Amino acid sequence: MRYFFLFYLLNYLLHNPLLALIVLGTVFYLGEARYSGRYFNPTTFFSARSQLSELASKLSVNPHDVAAHNDLGRLLAGQGKFKEALPHMEAAIARMDESAETNYFLGLCLLHCGQSESGIEYIEKALELSPSFLYGEPRRVLARHYFDSGNYREAAEQARLCVKKNTSAVEGWYLLGASEQELGNKKKARQAYASAVEAYNNLPHYLKLAGRSWNRRARKALRSLQG
């Protein structure tokens, strides 16, 4: 009903239903992007497309270029195209098995393609090769996986390792709080949620967008535990 009223109001002001729809869609998009921290960046978009095209061209000339497979797989995984990225990371690992980056992105692809056990092994190997790799991000990925799988004890451990490496990881703190809450440890959960809020408040402005939704979830969870 609210959306219909907004559309009606815009149509009345603009005298153009199509323009009213465009304005309404733009407002909703900006609101969602502000909440989630995901804005469309044309510069990044076209730069990524150019890189993908260049790497695909390299591989069409030399299908055995493992560095190109690695970079292409990493870029595709970064866009959430894990199934497309997987064969490239599998090609890269054959010659780059001592690379923390290659192990991590292969593990990430496997994790998102339903091969959890193998995915976890590769991510753990990446951390063995480089404990500081991506400053706690692999631990956050594992924490999210274990939490979604219902393994809250392991999720709490991974989230704890994540925030130990990166105290500004708002999602890491939230996952720690949510895991402790599921385990019945309300005091630890409150402490973690409070740390998530504090970490968000201390972030520089340009990093706040990405953590905004986790900050809101942490605040809501904190209120429910304090009520």
C-alpha atoms as a PDB file:
ATOM      1  CA  MET A   1       0.000   0.000   0.000  1.00  0.00           C
ATOM      2  CA  ARG A   2       2.858   2.357   0.871  1.00  0.00           C
ATOM      3  CA  TYR A   3       4.508   1.724  -2.499  1.00  0.00           C
ATOM      4  CA  PHE A   4       1.262   2.377  -4.339  1.00  0.00           C
ATOM      5  CA  PHE A   5       0.817   5.660  -2.474  1.00  0.00           C
ATOM      6  CA  LEU A   6       4.361   6.743  -3.353  1.00  0.00           C
ATOM      7  CA  PHE A   7       3.791   5.845  -6.986  1.00  0.00           C
ATOM      8  CA  TYR A   8       0.477   7.722  -6.998  1.00  0.00           C
ATOM      9  CA  LEU A   9       2.124  10.795  -5.449  1.00  0.00           C
ATOM     10  CA  LEU A  10       5.017  10.783  -7.904  1.00  0.00           C
ATOM     11  CA  ASN A  11       2.675  10.265 -10.837  1.00  0.00           C
ATOM     12  CA  TYR A  12       0.566  13.192  -9.640  1.00  0.00           C
ATOM     13  CA  LEU A  13       3.623  15.454  -9.333  1.00  0.00           C
ATOM     14  CA  LEU A  14       5.375  14.342 -12.534  1.00  0.00           C
ATOM     15  CA  HIS A  15       2.305  13.683 -14.703  1.00  0.00           C
ATOM     16  CA  ASN A  16       4.175  10.730 -16.221  1.00  0.00           C
ATOM     17  CA  PRO A  17       3.650   7.156 -14.918  1.00  0.00           C
ATOM     18  CA  LEU A  18       6.799   5.817 -16.605  1.00  0.00           C
ATOM     19  CA  LEU A  19       8.974   8.546 -15.102  1.00  0.00           C
ATOM     20  CA  ALA A  20       7.301   7.959 -11.736  1.00  0.00           C
ATOM     21  CA  LEU A  21       8.249   4.265 -11.920  1.00  0.00           C
ATOM     22  CA  ILE A  22      11.853   5.139 -12.802  1.00  0.00           C
ATOM     23  CA  VAL A  23      12.138   7.585  -9.893  1.00  0.00           C
ATOM     24  CA  LEU A  24      10.528   5.097  -7.500  1.00  0.00           C
ATOM     25  CA  GLY A  25      12.897   2.317  -8.642  1.00  0.00           C
ATOM     26  CA  THR A  26      15.901   4.606  -8.236  1.00  0.00           C
ATOM     27  CA  VAL A  27      14.857   5.553  -4.708  1.00  0.00           C
ATOM     28  CA  PHE A  28      14.403   1.900  -3.709  1.00  0.00           C
ATOM     29  CA  TYR A  29      17.753   0.972  -5.264  1.00  0.00           C
ATOM     30  CA  LEU A  30      19.608   3.740  -3.427  1.00  0.00           C
ATOM     31  CA  GLY A  31      17.878   2.823  -0.170  1.00  0.00           C
ATOM     32  CA  GLU A  32      18.831  -0.849  -0.508  1.00  0.00           C
ATOM     33  CA  ALA A  33      22.375   0.026  -1.581  1.00  0.00           C
ATOM     34  CA  ARG A  34      22.777   2.367   1.392  1.00  0.00           C
ATOM     35  CA  TYR A  35      21.577  -0.376   3.731  1.00  0.00           C
ATOM     36  CA  SER A  36      23.725  -3.154   2.259  1.00  0.00           C
ATOM     37  CA  GLY A  37      26.730  -1.076   1.207  1.00  0.00           C
ATOM     38  CA  ARG A  38      26.554  -2.325  -2.382  1.00  0.00           C
ATOM     39  CA  TYR A  39      26.478   0.481  -4.913  1.00  0.00           C
ATOM     40  CA  PHE A  40      26.916  -0.014  -8.637  1.00  0.00           C
ATOM     41  CA  ASN A  41      30.291   1.444  -9.605  1.00  0.00           C
ATOM     42  CA  PRO A  42      30.560   1.838 -13.394  1.00  0.00           C
ATOM     43  CA  THR A  43      34.336   2.342 -13.272  1.00  0.00           C
ATOM     44  CA  THR A  44      34.865  -0.895 -11.343  1.00  0.00           C
ATOM     45  CA  PHE A  45      32.336  -2.716 -13.521  1.00  0.00           C
ATOM     46  CA  PHE A  46      33.962  -1.830 -16.840  1.00  0.00           C
ATOM     47  CA  SER A  47      37.469  -2.321 -15.460  1.00  0.00           C
ATOM     48  CA  ALA A  48      36.531  -5.832 -14.314  1.00  0.00           C
ATOM     49  CA  ARG A  49      34.956  -6.616 -17.678  1.00  0.00           C
ATOM     50  CA  SER A  50      38.103  -5.467 -19.432  1.00  0.00           C
ATOM     51  CA  GLN A  51      40.272  -7.652 -17.198  1.00  0.00           C
ATOM     52  CA  LEU A  52      38.024 -10.671 -17.740  1.00  0.00           C
ATOM     53  CA  SER A  53      38.103 -10.187 -21.482  1.00  0.00           C
ATOM     54  CA  GLU A  54      41.884  -9.827 -21.525  1.00  0.00           C
ATOM     55  CA  LEU A  55      42.396 -12.973 -19.445  1.00  0.00           C
ATOM     56  CA  ALA A  56      39.948 -14.965 -21.583  1.00  0.00           C
ATOM     57  CA  SER A  57      41.913 -13.890 -24.659  1.00  0.00           C
ATOM     58  CA  LYS A  58      45.166 -15.039 -23.065  1.00  0.00           C
ATOM     59  CA  LEU A  59      43.677 -18.440 -22.314  1.00  0.00           C
ATOM     60  CA  SER A  60      42.312 -18.818 -25.837  1.00  0.00           C
ATOM     61  CA  VAL A  61      45.898 -18.461 -27.082  1.00  0.00           C
ATOM     62  CA  ASN A  62      47.491 -20.498 -24.284  1.00  0.00           C
ATOM     63  CA  PRO A  63      45.059 -22.717 -22.323  1.00  0.00           C
ATOM     64  CA  HIS A  64      47.920 -23.795 -20.034  1.00  0.00           C
ATOM     65  CA  ASP A  65      48.641 -20.303 -18.675  1.00  0.00           C
ATOM     66  CA  VAL A  66      48.091 -21.060 -14.976  1.00  0.00           C
ATOM     67  CA  ALA A  67      48.615 -17.447 -13.900  1.00  0.00           C
ATOM     68  CA  ALA A  68      45.783 -16.374 -16.219  1.00  0.00           C
ATOM     69  CA  HIS A  69      43.577 -19.204 -14.889  1.00  0.00           C
ATOM     70  CA  ASN A  70      44.327 -18.055 -11.348  1.00  0.00           C
ATOM     71  CA  ASP A  71      43.539 -14.390 -12.031  1.00  0.00           C
ATOM     72  CA  LEU A  72      40.400 -15.192 -14.020  1.00  0.00           C
ATOM     73  CA  GLY A  73      39.133 -17.564 -11.335  1.00  0.00           C
ATOM     74  CA  ARG A  74      39.841 -15.008  -8.611  1.00  0.00           C
ATOM     75  CA  LEU A  75      37.958 -12.261 -10.464  1.00  0.00           C
ATOM     76  CA  LEU A  76      34.974 -14.510 -11.178  1.00  0.00           C
ATOM     77  CA  ALA A  77      34.842 -15.643  -7.557  1.00  0.00           C
ATOM     78  CA  GLY A  78      34.950 -12.015  -6.478  1.00  0.00           C
ATOM     79  CA  GLN A  79      31.801 -11.476  -8.548  1.00  0.00           C
ATOM     80  CA  GLY A  80      30.110 -14.461  -6.916  1.00  0.00           C
ATOM     81  CA  LYS A  81      30.393 -16.616 -10.065  1.00  0.00           C
ATOM     82  CA  PHE A  82      31.811 -19.585  -8.193  1.00  0.00           C
ATOM     83  CA  LYS A  83      30.783 -22.298 -10.661  1.00  0.00           C
ATOM     84  CA  GLU A  84      32.457 -20.419 -13.502  1.00  0.00           C
ATOM     85  CA  ALA A  85      35.530 -19.752 -11.382  1.00  0.00           C
ATOM     86  CA  LEU A  86      35.984 -23.325 -10.136  1.00  0.00           C
ATOM     87  CA  PRO A  87      37.561 -24.930 -13.257  1.00  0.00           C
ATOM     88  CA  HIS A  88      40.027 -22.040 -13.524  1.00  0.00           C
ATOM     89  CA  MET A  89      41.091 -22.391  -9.895  1.00  0.00           C
ATOM     90  CA  GLU A  90      41.404 -26.168 -10.345  1.00  0.00           C
ATOM     91  CA  ALA A  91      43.670 -25.558 -13.347  1.00  0.00           C
ATOM     92  CA  ALA A  92      45.751 -23.065 -11.357  1.00  0.00           C
ATOM     93  CA  ILE A  93      46.228 -25.221  -8.242  1.00  0.00           C
ATOM     94  CA  ALA A  94      48.046 -27.900 -10.245  1.00  0.00           C
ATOM     95  CA  ARG A  95      51.038 -25.572 -10.591  1.00  0.00           C
ATOM     96  CA  MET A  96      50.393 -23.087  -7.762  1.00  0.00           C
ATOM     97  CA  ASP A  97      49.660 -25.350  -4.802  1.00  0.00           C
ATOM     98  CA  GLU A  98      51.938 -23.314  -2.531  1.00  0.00           C
ATOM     99  CA  SER A  99      50.056 -20.082  -3.191  1.00  0.00           C
ATOM    100  CA  ALA A 100      47.812 -18.944  -0.335  1.00  0.00           C
ATOM    101  CA  GLU A 101      45.678 -16.985  -2.791  1.00  0.00           C
ATOM    102  CA  THR A 102      45.112 -19.956  -5.105  1.00  0.00           C
ATOM    103  CA  ASN A 103      44.288 -22.295  -2.235  1.00  0.00           C
ATOM    104  CA  TYR A 104      41.885 -19.793  -0.706  1.00  0.00           C
ATOM    105  CA  PHE A 105      39.910 -19.009  -3.845  1.00  0.00           C
ATOM    106  CA  LEU A 106      39.756 -22.672  -4.832  1.00  0.00           C
ATOM    107  CA  GLY A 107      38.442 -23.458  -1.349  1.00  0.00           C
ATOM    108  CA  LEU A 108      35.948 -20.613  -1.583  1.00  0.00           C
ATOM    109  CA  CYS A 109      34.631 -21.917  -4.913  1.00  0.00           C
ATOM    110  CA  LEU A 110      34.356 -25.472  -3.615  1.00  0.00           C
ATOM    111  CA  LEU A 111      32.566 -24.258  -0.498  1.00  0.00           C
ATOM    112  CA  HIS A 112      29.959 -22.435  -2.583  1.00  0.00           C
ATOM    113  CA  CYS A 113      29.612 -25.361  -4.998  1.00  0.00           C
ATOM    114  CA  GLY A 114      28.577 -27.804  -2.296  1.00  0.00           C
ATOM    115  CA  GLN A 115      31.975 -29.458  -1.772  1.00  0.00           C
ATOM    116  CA  SER A 116      32.320 -28.268   1.802  1.00  0.00           C
ATOM    117  CA  GLU A 117      34.940 -30.700   3.096  1.00  0.00           C
ATOM    118  CA  SER A 118      37.395 -30.040   0.269  1.00  0.00           C
ATOM    119  CA  GLY A 119      36.668 -26.319   0.406  1.00  0.00           C
ATOM    120  CA  ILE A 120      37.492 -26.106   4.097  1.00  0.00           C
ATOM    121  CA  GLU A 121      40.725 -28.051   3.565  1.00  0.00           C
ATOM    122  CA  TYR A 122      41.953 -25.636   0.907  1.00  0.00           C
ATOM    123  CA  ILE A 123      41.023 -22.567   2.960  1.00  0.00           C
ATOM    124  CA  GLU A 124      42.802 -23.993   5.993  1.00  0.00           C
ATOM    125  CA  LYS A 125      45.863 -24.711   3.829  1.00  0.00           C
ATOM    126  CA  ALA A 126      45.831 -21.098   2.628  1.00  0.00           C
ATOM    127  CA  LEU A 127      45.947 -19.989   6.256  1.00  0.00           C
ATOM    128  CA  GLU A 128      48.778 -22.407   7.000  1.00  0.00           C
ATOM    129  CA  LEU A 129      50.750 -20.933   4.119  1.00  0.00           C
ATOM    130  CA  SER A 130      49.958 -17.354   5.153  1.00  0.00           C
ATOM    131  CA  PRO A 131      48.263 -16.886   8.566  1.00  0.00           C
ATOM    132  CA  SER A 132      47.638 -13.191   7.866  1.00  0.00           C
ATOM    133  CA  PHE A 133      46.177 -13.740   4.401  1.00  0.00           C
ATOM    134  CA  LEU A 134      43.342 -11.237   3.787  1.00  0.00           C
ATOM    135  CA  TYR A 135      43.415 -10.199   7.464  1.00  0.00           C
ATOM    136  CA  GLY A 136      40.797 -12.563   8.851  1.00  0.00           C
ATOM    137  CA  GLU A 137      38.520 -12.805   5.808  1.00  0.00           C
ATOM    138  CA  PRO A 138      39.044 -16.587   5.374  1.00  0.00           C
ATOM    139  CA  ARG A 139      38.062 -17.079   9.027  1.00  0.00           C
ATOM    140  CA  ARG A 140      34.916 -14.994   8.464  1.00  0.00           C
ATOM    141  CA  VAL A 141      34.026 -17.184   5.472  1.00  0.00           C
ATOM    142  CA  LEU A 142      34.481 -20.319   7.555  1.00  0.00           C
ATOM    143  CA  ALA A 143      32.523 -18.841  10.450  1.00  0.00           C
ATOM    144  CA  ARG A 144      29.623 -18.036   8.132  1.00  0.00           C
ATOM    145  CA  HIS A 145      29.728 -21.532   6.641  1.00  0.00           C
ATOM    146  CA  TYR A 146      29.721 -23.260  10.032  1.00  0.00           C
ATOM    147  CA  PHE A 147      26.996 -20.955  11.363  1.00  0.00           C
ATOM    148  CA  ASP A 148      24.743 -21.618   8.362  1.00  0.00           C
ATOM    149  CA  SER A 149      25.438 -25.349   8.810  1.00  0.00           C
ATOM    150  CA  GLY A 150      24.350 -25.238  12.462  1.00  0.00           C
ATOM    151  CA  ASN A 151      27.827 -25.951  13.849  1.00  0.00           C
ATOM    152  CA  TYR A 152      27.759 -23.007  16.258  1.00  0.00           C
ATOM    153  CA  ARG A 153      30.749 -24.100  18.350  1.00  0.00           C
ATOM    154  CA  GLU A 154      33.066 -24.170  15.340  1.00  0.00           C
ATOM    155  CA  ALA A 155      31.453 -20.989  14.002  1.00  0.00           C
ATOM    156  CA  ALA A 156      32.266 -19.228  17.273  1.00  0.00           C
ATOM    157  CA  GLU A 157      35.874 -20.438  17.130  1.00  0.00           C
ATOM    158  CA  GLN A 158      36.351 -19.255  13.550  1.00  0.00           C
ATOM    159  CA  ALA A 159      34.667 -15.910  14.258  1.00  0.00           C
ATOM    160  CA  ARG A 160      36.909 -15.466  17.308  1.00  0.00           C
ATOM    161  CA  LEU A 161      39.992 -16.060  15.159  1.00  0.00           C
ATOM    162  CA  CYS A 162      38.615 -13.626  12.586  1.00  0.00           C
ATOM    163  CA  VAL A 163      38.220 -10.720  15.004  1.00  0.00           C
ATOM    164  CA  LYS A 164      41.530 -11.542  16.649  1.00  0.00           C
ATOM    165  CA  LYS A 165      43.165 -10.899  13.268  1.00  0.00           C
ATOM    166  CA  ASN A 166      40.917  -7.959  12.381  1.00  0.00           C
ATOM    167  CA  THR A 167      39.198  -6.190  15.271  1.00  0.00           C
ATOM    168  CA  SER A 168      37.286  -4.015  12.783  1.00  0.00           C
ATOM    169  CA  ALA A 169      35.456  -7.002  11.243  1.00  0.00           C
ATOM    170  CA  VAL A 170      31.855  -6.052  12.091  1.00  0.00           C
ATOM    171  CA  GLU A 171      30.404  -9.215  10.567  1.00  0.00           C
ATOM    172  CA  GLY A 172      33.000 -11.301  12.403  1.00  0.00           C
ATOM    173  CA  TRP A 173      31.896  -9.838  15.737  1.00  0.00           C
ATOM    174  CA  TYR A 174      28.241 -10.334  14.803  1.00  0.00           C
ATOM    175  CA  LEU A 175      28.823 -13.991  13.892  1.00  0.00           C
ATOM    176  CA  LEU A 176      30.649 -14.510  17.168  1.00  0.00           C
ATOM    177  CA  GLY A 177      27.704 -13.024  19.063  1.00  0.00           C
ATOM    178  CA  ALA A 178      25.122 -15.018  17.107  1.00  0.00           C
ATOM    179  CA  SER A 179      27.074 -18.255  17.613  1.00  0.00           C
ATOM    180  CA  GLU A 180      27.487 -17.680  21.349  1.00  0.00           C
ATOM    181  CA  GLN A 181      23.793 -16.838  21.595  1.00  0.00           C
ATOM    182  CA  GLU A 182      22.884 -20.118  19.886  1.00  0.00           C
ATOM    183  CA  LEU A 183      25.166 -21.922  22.351  1.00  0.00           C
ATOM    184  CA  GLY A 184      23.318 -20.292  25.253  1.00  0.00           C
ATOM    185  CA  ASN A 185      26.209 -18.031  26.276  1.00  0.00           C
ATOM    186  CA  LYS A 186      24.242 -14.802  26.582  1.00  0.00           C
ATOM    187  CA  LYS A 187      26.957 -12.813  28.343  1.00  0.00           C
ATOM    188  CA  LYS A 188      29.537 -13.632  25.650  1.00  0.00           C
ATOM    189  CA  ALA A 189      26.935 -12.913  22.984  1.00  0.00           C
ATOM    190  CA  ARG A 190      26.219  -9.462  24.436  1.00  0.00           C
ATOM    191  CA  GLN A 191      29.935  -8.681  24.586  1.00  0.00           C
ATOM    192  CA  ALA A 192      30.425  -9.704  20.953  1.00  0.00           C
ATOM    193  CA  TYR A 193      27.401  -7.726  19.733  1.00  0.00           C
ATOM    194  CA  ALA A 194      28.619  -4.681  21.658  1.00  0.00           C
ATOM    195  CA  SER A 195      32.039  -5.116  20.038  1.00  0.00           C
ATOM    196  CA  ALA A 196      30.363  -5.249  16.609  1.00  0.00           C
ATOM    197  CA  VAL A 197      28.661  -1.910  17.285  1.00  0.00           C
ATOM    198  CA  GLU A 198      31.884  -0.405  18.607  1.00  0.00           C
ATOM    199  CA  ALA A 199      33.872  -1.684  15.628  1.00  0.00           C
ATOM    200  CA  TYR A 200      31.321  -0.159  13.249  1.00  0.00           C
ATOM    201  CA  ASN A 201      31.383   3.192  15.059  1.00  0.00           C
ATOM    202  CA  ASN A 202      35.174   3.289  14.786  1.00  0.00           C
ATOM    203  CA  LEU A 203      35.261   2.564  11.058  1.00  0.00           C
ATOM    204  CA  PRO A 204      36.197   5.420   8.725  1.00  0.00           C
ATOM    205  CA  HIS A 205      33.231   6.787   6.796  1.00  0.00           C
ATOM    206  CA  TYR A 206      34.151   5.149   3.492  1.00  0.00           C
ATOM    207  CA  LEU A 207      34.094   1.672   5.107  1.00  0.00           C
ATOM    208  CA  LYS A 208      30.839   2.063   7.025  1.00  0.00           C
ATOM    209  CA  LEU A 209      28.557   1.105   4.144  1.00  0.00           C
ATOM    210  CA  ALA A 210      29.782  -2.494   4.014  1.00  0.00           C
ATOM    211  CA  GLY A 211      29.273  -2.958   7.755  1.00  0.00           C
ATOM    212  CA  ARG A 212      25.965  -1.137   8.109  1.00  0.00           C
ATOM    213  CA  SER A 213      23.642  -4.138   7.886  1.00  0.00           C
ATOM    214  CA  TRP A 214      25.742  -6.121  10.397  1.00  0.00           C
ATOM    215  CA  ASN A 215      25.756  -3.153  12.765  1.00  0.00           C
ATOM    216  CA  ARG A 216      21.962  -2.994  12.615  1.00  0.00           C
ATOM    217  CA  ARG A 217      21.654  -6.721  13.235  1.00  0.00           C
ATOM    218  CA  ALA A 218      24.051  -6.491  16.173  1.00  0.00           C
ATOM    219  CA  ARG A 219      22.118  -3.569  17.698  1.00  0.00           C
ATOM    220  CA  LYS A 220      18.831  -5.430  17.304  1.00  0.00           C
ATOM    221  CA  ALA A 221      20.270  -8.606  18.864  1.00  0.00           C
ATOM    222  CA  LEU A 222      21.770  -6.574  21.708  1.00  0.00           C
ATOM    223  CA  ARG A 223      18.411  -4.986  22.489  1.00  0.00           C
ATOM    224  CA  SER A 224      16.708  -8.378  22.516  1.00  0.00           C
ATOM    225  CA  LEU A 225      19.239  -9.743  24.994  1.00  0.00           C
ATOM    226  CA  GLN A 226      19.047  -6.707  27.233  1.00  0.00           C
ATOM    227  CA  GLY A 227      15.249  -6.668  27.230  1.00  0.00           C
END
